[in-house]
Amino acid sequence: MGYIENNLVPGEIVLYKTRLHWIVAAGSLLAGVLLGSIGVVFGVGGYEAGAKGGSYPGMIIVGLLLLVCAVVLVGTGLIRKKSTEVAVSNKRVLIKTGFIARKSIEVLLAKVESIGVEESALGRMLGYGSVTVGGTGGTFETFSKIAQPNEFRRQVQQQIRSGDDH
């Protein structure tokens, strides 16, 4: 169970949930693969040179350091992606970001004045964009690189309409 499921009020159910798009981790993954590849080359090169009678422990150490950096980069990207939760319940719009330092925004559906979506050309092709939730009183919160932002907006609008019907 995530943060959102653990913070529901009695009678509240999650109707739609999404996370950040995979693109937020793409840069970290790409850099991690590049650094890891260079680390493997250094490590294997140092080991092979050592097996042929040369002494290259520095190459092995540099290779191991690059591999550690690669693991940290990949881990950082994955944690960033996994540490954001975005949901629509039958009562609220809930958004939580952060792993160690946490920020959560919860807007009652009755208080949502507007919800906007902004997508770049690449975002439209890959299915991500920025979502801006406007509440009564002029408060606006923008969240970038949300997966399927138009579906998220549709779910919020659908819940607002179903709440108006009651």
N, C-alpha and C. Protein backbone atom coordinates (compact mmCIF):
# COMPACT_ATOMS: atom_id res chain seq x y z
N MET A 1 0.83 -1.19 0.00
CA MET A 1 0.00 0.00 0.00
C MET A 1 0.87 1.25 0.00
N GLY A 2 0.45 2.21 -0.77
CA GLY A 2 1.19 3.45 -0.86
C GLY A 2 0.67 4.50 0.11
N TYR A 3 1.28 5.67 0.01
CA TYR A 3 0.91 6.80 0.86
C TYR A 3 -0.57 7.13 0.73
N ILE A 4 -1.06 7.14 -0.50
CA ILE A 4 -2.44 7.56 -0.72
C ILE A 4 -3.42 6.59 -0.06
N GLU A 5 -3.23 5.30 -0.27
CA GLU A 5 -4.14 4.31 0.34
C GLU A 5 -4.10 4.39 1.87
N ASN A 6 -2.95 4.73 2.42
CA ASN A 6 -2.82 4.82 3.88
C ASN A 6 -3.41 6.10 4.45
N ASN A 7 -3.78 7.05 3.61
CA ASN A 7 -4.29 8.33 4.10
C ASN A 7 -5.70 8.65 3.60
N LEU A 8 -6.46 7.63 3.29
CA LEU A 8 -7.84 7.84 2.88
C LEU A 8 -8.71 8.06 4.12
N VAL A 9 -9.75 8.86 3.96
CA VAL A 9 -10.71 9.07 5.04
C VAL A 9 -11.79 7.99 4.95
N PRO A 10 -12.53 7.75 6.03
CA PRO A 10 -13.59 6.73 5.98
C PRO A 10 -14.57 6.99 4.84
N GLY A 11 -14.88 5.95 4.09
CA GLY A 11 -15.80 6.04 2.97
C GLY A 11 -15.16 6.48 1.67
N GLU A 12 -13.88 6.76 1.69
CA GLU A 12 -13.18 7.23 0.49
C GLU A 12 -12.52 6.05 -0.22
N ILE A 13 -12.65 6.02 -1.54
CA ILE A 13 -12.00 4.97 -2.33
C ILE A 13 -11.25 5.60 -3.50
N VAL A 14 -10.12 5.00 -3.84
CA VAL A 14 -9.33 5.48 -4.97
C VAL A 14 -9.97 4.96 -6.25
N LEU A 15 -10.27 5.88 -7.17
CA LEU A 15 -10.91 5.52 -8.43
C LEU A 15 -9.93 5.49 -9.59
N TYR A 16 -8.87 6.27 -9.49
CA TYR A 16 -7.87 6.31 -10.56
C TYR A 16 -6.53 6.68 -9.93
N LYS A 17 -5.49 6.00 -10.34
CA LYS A 17 -4.16 6.27 -9.80
C LYS A 17 -3.14 6.21 -10.92
N THR A 18 -2.17 7.13 -10.88
CA THR A 18 -1.09 7.13 -11.85
C THR A 18 0.19 7.57 -11.15
N ARG A 19 1.26 7.57 -11.88
CA ARG A 19 2.56 7.96 -11.34
C ARG A 19 3.25 8.86 -12.36
N LEU A 20 4.49 9.18 -12.09
CA LEU A 20 5.28 9.90 -13.08
C LEU A 20 5.54 8.97 -14.26
N HIS A 21 5.71 9.56 -15.41
CA HIS A 21 6.02 8.82 -16.63
C HIS A 21 7.45 8.29 -16.53
N TRP A 22 7.75 7.23 -17.25
CA TRP A 22 9.09 6.64 -17.23
C TRP A 22 10.16 7.59 -17.74
N ILE A 23 9.76 8.62 -18.47
CA ILE A 23 10.73 9.57 -19.03
C ILE A 23 11.52 10.28 -17.93
N VAL A 24 10.96 10.41 -16.71
CA VAL A 24 11.69 11.08 -15.63
C VAL A 24 12.93 10.31 -15.23
N ALA A 25 12.94 9.00 -15.46
CA ALA A 25 14.10 8.17 -15.10
C ALA A 25 15.00 7.91 -16.31
N ALA A 26 14.58 8.30 -17.50
CA ALA A 26 15.33 7.97 -18.71
C ALA A 26 16.74 8.55 -18.71
N GLY A 27 16.90 9.81 -18.31
CA GLY A 27 18.22 10.42 -18.28
C GLY A 27 19.15 9.72 -17.31
N SER A 28 18.63 9.41 -16.13
CA SER A 28 19.44 8.69 -15.14
C SER A 28 19.80 7.30 -15.62
N LEU A 29 18.85 6.63 -16.24
CA LEU A 29 19.12 5.29 -16.75
C LEU A 29 20.17 5.32 -17.86
N LEU A 30 20.02 6.26 -18.77
CA LEU A 30 20.97 6.38 -19.87
C LEU A 30 22.38 6.70 -19.35
N ALA A 31 22.48 7.66 -18.45
CA ALA A 31 23.78 8.01 -17.87
C ALA A 31 24.35 6.83 -17.08
N GLY A 32 23.49 6.11 -16.36
CA GLY A 32 23.93 4.94 -15.61
C GLY A 32 24.48 3.85 -16.51
N VAL A 33 23.80 3.60 -17.61
CA VAL A 33 24.28 2.58 -18.56
C VAL A 33 25.61 3.01 -19.16
N LEU A 34 25.73 4.28 -19.52
CA LEU A 34 26.98 4.78 -20.10
C LEU A 34 28.13 4.67 -19.10
N LEU A 35 27.92 5.17 -17.87
CA LEU A 35 28.97 5.09 -16.86
C LEU A 35 29.29 3.64 -16.51
N GLY A 36 28.25 2.81 -16.41
CA GLY A 36 28.47 1.39 -16.10
C GLY A 36 29.28 0.71 -17.18
N SER A 37 29.00 1.02 -18.43
CA SER A 37 29.75 0.43 -19.54
C SER A 37 31.23 0.83 -19.50
N ILE A 38 31.45 2.11 -19.24
CA ILE A 38 32.84 2.58 -19.14
C ILE A 38 33.52 1.92 -17.94
N GLY A 39 32.78 1.77 -16.84
CA GLY A 39 33.32 1.11 -15.65
C GLY A 39 33.71 -0.33 -15.93
N VAL A 40 32.87 -1.03 -16.67
CA VAL A 40 33.18 -2.43 -17.02
C VAL A 40 34.43 -2.48 -17.89
N VAL A 41 34.53 -1.57 -18.86
CA VAL A 41 35.72 -1.54 -19.72
C VAL A 41 36.98 -1.31 -18.89
N PHE A 42 36.94 -0.34 -17.99
CA PHE A 42 38.10 -0.08 -17.13
C PHE A 42 38.41 -1.28 -16.25
N GLY A 43 37.38 -1.84 -15.62
CA GLY A 43 37.59 -2.97 -14.72
C GLY A 43 38.15 -4.19 -15.44
N VAL A 44 37.56 -4.54 -16.55
CA VAL A 44 38.03 -5.70 -17.32
C VAL A 44 39.41 -5.42 -17.89
N GLY A 45 39.63 -4.20 -18.39
CA GLY A 45 40.94 -3.84 -18.92
C GLY A 45 42.02 -3.93 -17.87
N GLY A 46 41.75 -3.43 -16.67
CA GLY A 46 42.72 -3.51 -15.58
C GLY A 46 42.99 -4.93 -15.16
N TYR A 47 41.95 -5.74 -15.11
CA TYR A 47 42.09 -7.15 -14.73
C TYR A 47 42.90 -7.90 -15.78
N GLU A 48 42.56 -7.70 -17.05
CA GLU A 48 43.27 -8.38 -18.15
C GLU A 48 44.74 -7.96 -18.19
N ALA A 49 45.00 -6.68 -17.99
CA ALA A 49 46.39 -6.21 -17.99
C ALA A 49 47.15 -6.82 -16.82
N GLY A 50 46.48 -6.93 -15.67
CA GLY A 50 47.11 -7.55 -14.51
C GLY A 50 47.38 -9.03 -14.74
N ALA A 51 46.52 -9.72 -15.47
CA ALA A 51 46.70 -11.14 -15.75
C ALA A 51 47.88 -11.37 -16.70
N LYS A 52 48.24 -10.35 -17.48
CA LYS A 52 49.35 -10.48 -18.43
C LYS A 52 50.66 -9.96 -17.84
N GLY A 53 50.67 -9.76 -16.54
CA GLY A 53 51.91 -9.36 -15.88
C GLY A 53 52.02 -7.88 -15.61
N GLY A 54 51.11 -7.07 -16.13
CA GLY A 54 51.14 -5.64 -15.86
C GLY A 54 50.50 -5.35 -14.51
N SER A 55 50.65 -4.17 -14.02
CA SER A 55 50.06 -3.79 -12.75
C SER A 55 49.18 -2.56 -12.97
N TYR A 56 47.89 -2.77 -13.00
CA TYR A 56 46.94 -1.69 -13.25
C TYR A 56 45.80 -1.69 -12.22
N PRO A 57 46.08 -1.67 -10.95
CA PRO A 57 44.99 -1.66 -9.96
C PRO A 57 44.17 -0.37 -10.02
N GLY A 58 44.79 0.71 -10.47
CA GLY A 58 44.06 1.98 -10.60
C GLY A 58 42.91 1.88 -11.59
N MET A 59 43.12 1.14 -12.67
CA MET A 59 42.04 0.97 -13.65
C MET A 59 40.87 0.20 -13.04
N ILE A 60 41.19 -0.81 -12.25
CA ILE A 60 40.13 -1.61 -11.61
C ILE A 60 39.37 -0.74 -10.62
N ILE A 61 40.07 0.07 -9.85
CA ILE A 61 39.42 0.95 -8.87
C ILE A 61 38.53 1.98 -9.57
N VAL A 62 39.05 2.58 -10.63
CA VAL A 62 38.25 3.55 -11.40
C VAL A 62 37.02 2.85 -11.97
N GLY A 63 37.19 1.65 -12.49
CA GLY A 63 36.06 0.88 -13.02
C GLY A 63 35.01 0.62 -11.97
N LEU A 64 35.44 0.22 -10.77
CA LEU A 64 34.49 -0.03 -9.68
C LEU A 64 33.78 1.25 -9.24
N LEU A 65 34.51 2.35 -9.17
CA LEU A 65 33.88 3.64 -8.82
C LEU A 65 32.84 4.06 -9.85
N LEU A 66 33.16 3.85 -11.12
CA LEU A 66 32.18 4.18 -12.17
C LEU A 66 30.95 3.29 -12.07
N LEU A 67 31.14 2.02 -11.75
CA LEU A 67 30.00 1.12 -11.57
C LEU A 67 29.14 1.55 -10.39
N VAL A 68 29.77 1.96 -9.29
CA VAL A 68 29.01 2.44 -8.13
C VAL A 68 28.22 3.69 -8.50
N CYS A 69 28.85 4.62 -9.22
CA CYS A 69 28.15 5.83 -9.67
C CYS A 69 26.98 5.48 -10.58
N ALA A 70 27.16 4.49 -11.43
CA ALA A 70 26.08 4.05 -12.32
C ALA A 70 24.90 3.52 -11.52
N VAL A 71 25.18 2.72 -10.51
CA VAL A 71 24.11 2.17 -9.66
C VAL A 71 23.37 3.29 -8.93
N VAL A 72 24.12 4.27 -8.42
CA VAL A 72 23.50 5.41 -7.73
C VAL A 72 22.61 6.20 -8.69
N LEU A 73 23.09 6.46 -9.90
CA LEU A 73 22.29 7.20 -10.88
C LEU A 73 21.00 6.48 -11.23
N VAL A 74 21.11 5.19 -11.50
CA VAL A 74 19.92 4.41 -11.85
C VAL A 74 18.95 4.37 -10.66
N GLY A 75 19.48 4.17 -9.48
CA GLY A 75 18.64 4.14 -8.28
C GLY A 75 17.93 5.45 -8.04
N THR A 76 18.63 6.55 -8.24
CA THR A 76 18.04 7.88 -8.06
C THR A 76 16.88 8.10 -9.03
N GLY A 77 17.08 7.73 -10.28
CA GLY A 77 16.02 7.88 -11.28
C GLY A 77 14.80 7.04 -10.94
N LEU A 78 15.02 5.81 -10.52
CA LEU A 78 13.90 4.93 -10.19
C LEU A 78 13.17 5.39 -8.93
N ILE A 79 13.93 5.85 -7.94
CA ILE A 79 13.28 6.37 -6.72
C ILE A 79 12.44 7.59 -7.04
N ARG A 80 12.97 8.47 -7.87
CA ARG A 80 12.21 9.67 -8.25
C ARG A 80 10.89 9.29 -8.92
N LYS A 81 10.94 8.31 -9.81
CA LYS A 81 9.74 7.88 -10.50
C LYS A 81 8.74 7.24 -9.54
N LYS A 82 9.23 6.38 -8.68
CA LYS A 82 8.35 5.62 -7.79
C LYS A 82 7.84 6.43 -6.60
N SER A 83 8.49 7.55 -6.28
CA SER A 83 8.11 8.28 -5.07
C SER A 83 7.01 9.32 -5.29
N THR A 84 6.44 9.36 -6.47
CA THR A 84 5.33 10.27 -6.74
C THR A 84 4.07 9.46 -7.00
N GLU A 85 3.02 9.79 -6.28
CA GLU A 85 1.73 9.14 -6.46
C GLU A 85 0.70 10.21 -6.79
N VAL A 86 -0.15 9.92 -7.74
CA VAL A 86 -1.19 10.85 -8.16
C VAL A 86 -2.48 10.05 -8.23
N ALA A 87 -3.54 10.53 -7.57
CA ALA A 87 -4.77 9.75 -7.54
C ALA A 87 -6.00 10.65 -7.50
N VAL A 88 -7.09 10.05 -7.94
CA VAL A 88 -8.41 10.67 -7.83
C VAL A 88 -9.25 9.70 -7.01
N SER A 89 -9.84 10.22 -5.95
CA SER A 89 -10.75 9.40 -5.15
C SER A 89 -12.16 9.92 -5.36
N ASN A 90 -13.10 9.32 -4.68
CA ASN A 90 -14.48 9.80 -4.79
C ASN A 90 -14.69 11.10 -4.02
N LYS A 91 -13.65 11.59 -3.31
CA LYS A 91 -13.78 12.82 -2.53
C LYS A 91 -12.72 13.88 -2.83
N ARG A 92 -11.52 13.44 -3.28
CA ARG A 92 -10.39 14.37 -3.40
C ARG A 92 -9.50 14.04 -4.59
N VAL A 93 -8.67 15.04 -4.94
CA VAL A 93 -7.53 14.84 -5.82
C VAL A 93 -6.33 14.82 -4.89
N LEU A 94 -5.52 13.76 -4.98
CA LEU A 94 -4.38 13.60 -4.07
C LEU A 94 -3.10 13.46 -4.88
N ILE A 95 -2.08 14.21 -4.49
CA ILE A 95 -0.79 14.11 -5.15
C ILE A 95 0.28 14.14 -4.07
N LYS A 96 1.16 13.14 -4.08
CA LYS A 96 2.26 13.06 -3.13
C LYS A 96 3.56 12.93 -3.91
N THR A 97 4.54 13.76 -3.56
CA THR A 97 5.86 13.67 -4.18
C THR A 97 6.90 13.54 -3.08
N GLY A 98 8.01 12.94 -3.41
CA GLY A 98 9.14 12.86 -2.49
C GLY A 98 9.26 11.52 -1.82
N PHE A 99 10.51 11.22 -1.45
CA PHE A 99 10.81 9.95 -0.78
C PHE A 99 11.22 10.24 0.66
N ILE A 100 12.21 11.07 0.84
CA ILE A 100 12.64 11.43 2.20
C ILE A 100 11.88 12.67 2.64
N ALA A 101 11.99 13.75 1.89
CA ALA A 101 11.18 14.94 2.12
C ALA A 101 9.92 14.76 1.29
N ARG A 102 8.78 14.92 1.91
CA ARG A 102 7.51 14.62 1.25
C ARG A 102 6.68 15.89 1.11
N LYS A 103 6.00 16.00 -0.02
CA LYS A 103 5.04 17.08 -0.26
C LYS A 103 3.76 16.43 -0.71
N SER A 104 2.67 16.78 -0.07
CA SER A 104 1.39 16.23 -0.51
C SER A 104 0.39 17.36 -0.70
N ILE A 105 -0.39 17.22 -1.75
CA ILE A 105 -1.45 18.16 -2.06
C ILE A 105 -2.74 17.37 -2.11
N GLU A 106 -3.72 17.83 -1.40
CA GLU A 106 -5.03 17.17 -1.40
C GLU A 106 -6.08 18.25 -1.57
N VAL A 107 -6.83 18.16 -2.66
CA VAL A 107 -7.86 19.15 -2.95
C VAL A 107 -9.20 18.43 -3.01
N LEU A 108 -10.14 18.90 -2.21
CA LEU A 108 -11.48 18.33 -2.27
C LEU A 108 -12.06 18.56 -3.65
N LEU A 109 -12.75 17.57 -4.18
CA LEU A 109 -13.32 17.70 -5.53
C LEU A 109 -14.22 18.92 -5.63
N ALA A 110 -14.94 19.22 -4.57
CA ALA A 110 -15.84 20.37 -4.59
C ALA A 110 -15.07 21.69 -4.68
N LYS A 111 -13.79 21.68 -4.33
CA LYS A 111 -12.97 22.90 -4.34
C LYS A 111 -12.11 23.04 -5.60
N VAL A 112 -12.17 22.05 -6.49
CA VAL A 112 -11.39 22.13 -7.73
C VAL A 112 -12.12 23.06 -8.70
N GLU A 113 -11.47 24.16 -9.05
CA GLU A 113 -12.04 25.11 -10.00
C GLU A 113 -11.63 24.79 -11.42
N SER A 114 -10.36 24.32 -11.57
CA SER A 114 -9.87 24.04 -12.91
C SER A 114 -8.79 22.97 -12.84
N ILE A 115 -8.63 22.29 -13.95
CA ILE A 115 -7.54 21.34 -14.08
C ILE A 115 -7.04 21.45 -15.52
N GLY A 116 -5.77 21.78 -15.65
CA GLY A 116 -5.21 21.99 -16.98
C GLY A 116 -4.12 20.99 -17.28
N VAL A 117 -3.94 20.72 -18.55
CA VAL A 117 -2.91 19.80 -19.01
C VAL A 117 -2.08 20.51 -20.06
N GLU A 118 -0.77 20.40 -19.94
CA GLU A 118 0.15 20.94 -20.93
C GLU A 118 1.07 19.81 -21.38
N GLU A 119 1.11 19.60 -22.69
CA GLU A 119 1.93 18.53 -23.25
C GLU A 119 2.83 19.09 -24.35
N SER A 120 4.09 18.73 -24.33
CA SER A 120 4.99 19.06 -25.42
C SER A 120 4.71 18.08 -26.55
N ALA A 121 5.34 18.29 -27.70
CA ALA A 121 5.17 17.35 -28.81
C ALA A 121 5.65 15.96 -28.41
N LEU A 122 6.83 15.89 -27.75
CA LEU A 122 7.34 14.60 -27.30
C LEU A 122 6.41 14.00 -26.24
N GLY A 123 5.90 14.85 -25.36
CA GLY A 123 4.97 14.39 -24.34
C GLY A 123 3.70 13.80 -24.93
N ARG A 124 3.20 14.41 -25.97
CA ARG A 124 2.00 13.86 -26.64
C ARG A 124 2.29 12.52 -27.26
N MET A 125 3.48 12.37 -27.86
CA MET A 125 3.83 11.09 -28.50
C MET A 125 4.04 9.99 -27.47
N LEU A 126 4.65 10.34 -26.34
CA LEU A 126 4.99 9.33 -25.34
C LEU A 126 3.98 9.20 -24.20
N GLY A 127 3.03 10.12 -24.11
CA GLY A 127 1.97 10.00 -23.12
C GLY A 127 2.29 10.60 -21.76
N TYR A 128 2.92 11.78 -21.73
CA TYR A 128 3.14 12.46 -20.46
C TYR A 128 2.94 13.95 -20.64
N GLY A 129 2.74 14.63 -19.51
CA GLY A 129 2.56 16.08 -19.55
C GLY A 129 2.49 16.65 -18.16
N SER A 130 2.28 17.95 -18.10
CA SER A 130 2.14 18.65 -16.83
C SER A 130 0.66 18.84 -16.53
N VAL A 131 0.31 18.65 -15.27
CA VAL A 131 -1.06 18.82 -14.82
C VAL A 131 -1.08 19.96 -13.81
N THR A 132 -1.97 20.93 -14.02
CA THR A 132 -2.13 22.03 -13.08
C THR A 132 -3.53 21.96 -12.49
N VAL A 133 -3.57 21.83 -11.16
CA VAL A 133 -4.86 21.77 -10.45
C VAL A 133 -5.07 23.12 -9.80
N GLY A 134 -6.20 23.75 -10.16
CA GLY A 134 -6.55 25.05 -9.58
C GLY A 134 -7.68 24.89 -8.60
N GLY A 135 -7.44 25.34 -7.37
CA GLY A 135 -8.48 25.25 -6.35
C GLY A 135 -9.11 26.60 -6.11
N THR A 136 -10.20 26.59 -5.36
CA THR A 136 -10.85 27.86 -5.03
C THR A 136 -9.88 28.69 -4.21
N GLY A 137 -9.95 29.98 -4.38
CA GLY A 137 -9.03 30.87 -3.69
C GLY A 137 -7.77 31.16 -4.48
N GLY A 138 -7.71 30.67 -5.71
CA GLY A 138 -6.58 30.99 -6.58
C GLY A 138 -5.32 30.18 -6.35
N THR A 139 -5.42 29.06 -5.67
CA THR A 139 -4.23 28.23 -5.48
C THR A 139 -4.05 27.31 -6.68
N PHE A 140 -2.83 27.26 -7.19
CA PHE A 140 -2.52 26.42 -8.34
C PHE A 140 -1.32 25.55 -7.99
N GLU A 141 -1.40 24.29 -8.31
CA GLU A 141 -0.30 23.36 -8.13
C GLU A 141 -0.04 22.68 -9.46
N THR A 142 1.22 22.70 -9.91
CA THR A 142 1.59 22.08 -11.18
C THR A 142 2.51 20.90 -10.90
N PHE A 143 2.24 19.80 -11.57
CA PHE A 143 3.04 18.59 -11.44
C PHE A 143 3.46 18.15 -12.84
N SER A 144 4.77 18.00 -13.02
CA SER A 144 5.33 17.73 -14.33
C SER A 144 5.54 16.24 -14.58
N LYS A 145 5.48 15.89 -15.86
CA LYS A 145 5.78 14.55 -16.36
C LYS A 145 4.88 13.47 -15.75
N ILE A 146 3.61 13.80 -15.63
CA ILE A 146 2.61 12.85 -15.14
C ILE A 146 2.23 11.95 -16.31
N ALA A 147 2.16 10.64 -16.06
CA ALA A 147 1.75 9.70 -17.10
C ALA A 147 0.26 9.87 -17.39
N GLN A 148 -0.08 9.84 -18.66
CA GLN A 148 -1.47 9.94 -19.13
C GLN A 148 -2.22 11.12 -18.49
N PRO A 149 -1.75 12.34 -18.68
CA PRO A 149 -2.36 13.49 -18.01
C PRO A 149 -3.80 13.76 -18.44
N ASN A 150 -4.13 13.48 -19.69
CA ASN A 150 -5.51 13.72 -20.14
C ASN A 150 -6.48 12.76 -19.48
N GLU A 151 -6.06 11.53 -19.25
CA GLU A 151 -6.91 10.56 -18.55
C GLU A 151 -7.10 10.99 -17.09
N PHE A 152 -6.04 11.51 -16.49
CA PHE A 152 -6.15 12.01 -15.12
C PHE A 152 -7.17 13.15 -15.06
N ARG A 153 -7.07 14.10 -16.00
CA ARG A 153 -8.02 15.22 -16.05
C ARG A 153 -9.44 14.71 -16.26
N ARG A 154 -9.60 13.74 -17.17
CA ARG A 154 -10.93 13.18 -17.43
C ARG A 154 -11.52 12.54 -16.17
N GLN A 155 -10.69 11.84 -15.42
CA GLN A 155 -11.17 11.20 -14.19
C GLN A 155 -11.59 12.24 -13.15
N VAL A 156 -10.82 13.32 -13.02
CA VAL A 156 -11.19 14.39 -12.09
C VAL A 156 -12.51 15.01 -12.51
N GLN A 157 -12.64 15.34 -13.80
CA GLN A 157 -13.87 15.96 -14.29
C GLN A 157 -15.06 15.03 -14.11
N GLN A 158 -14.86 13.74 -14.34
CA GLN A 158 -15.94 12.77 -14.18
C GLN A 158 -16.40 12.71 -12.72
N GLN A 159 -15.47 12.73 -11.79
CA GLN A 159 -15.84 12.70 -10.38
C GLN A 159 -16.52 13.99 -9.94
N ILE A 160 -16.08 15.12 -10.47
CA ILE A 160 -16.75 16.39 -10.15
C ILE A 160 -18.18 16.35 -10.64
N ARG A 161 -18.39 15.86 -11.88
CA ARG A 161 -19.75 15.76 -12.42
C ARG A 161 -20.60 14.79 -11.63
N SER A 162 -20.05 13.65 -11.25
CA SER A 162 -20.85 12.68 -10.50
C SER A 162 -21.17 13.21 -9.11
N GLY A 163 -20.29 14.06 -8.54
CA GLY A 163 -20.58 14.68 -7.26
C GLY A 163 -21.68 15.73 -7.38
N ASP A 164 -21.75 16.39 -8.55
CA ASP A 164 -22.80 17.40 -8.78
C ASP A 164 -24.16 16.74 -8.94
N ASP A 165 -24.17 15.47 -9.38
CA ASP A 165 -25.43 14.77 -9.60
C ASP A 165 -26.13 14.37 -8.31
N HIS A 166 -25.35 14.33 -7.21
CA HIS A 166 -25.94 13.85 -5.94
C HIS A 166 -26.57 14.95 -5.16
